[in-house]
Amino acid sequence: MVRSRCLGGVLIICVVASVAQVAEPPQKLPVVKSGDMPFYPPLANMARIQGDIHLRVTTDGSGVASVVVESG
């Protein structure tokens, strides 16, 4: 009897949690419409220099507002 009540309680909690997740509207992510290949310096290319570059790109909703080099 106690076991069935516990299982029933868990079932109710799961249903409430899933309904709460469904009711929340999904967040719209930005979409890349176009992009250019970055310019790679010829001297670095000849020297076979490689590495990672981290950029922070900020948009205003319709286009790129700023690009900041964080590392690299």
Foldseek 3Di string as FASTA:
>chain_A
DVVVVVVVVVVVVVVVVVVVVVPDDDDDDDDDPDDDDDDDDPVCVVVVDDDDWDWDWDDPVPGTPDIDTPDD
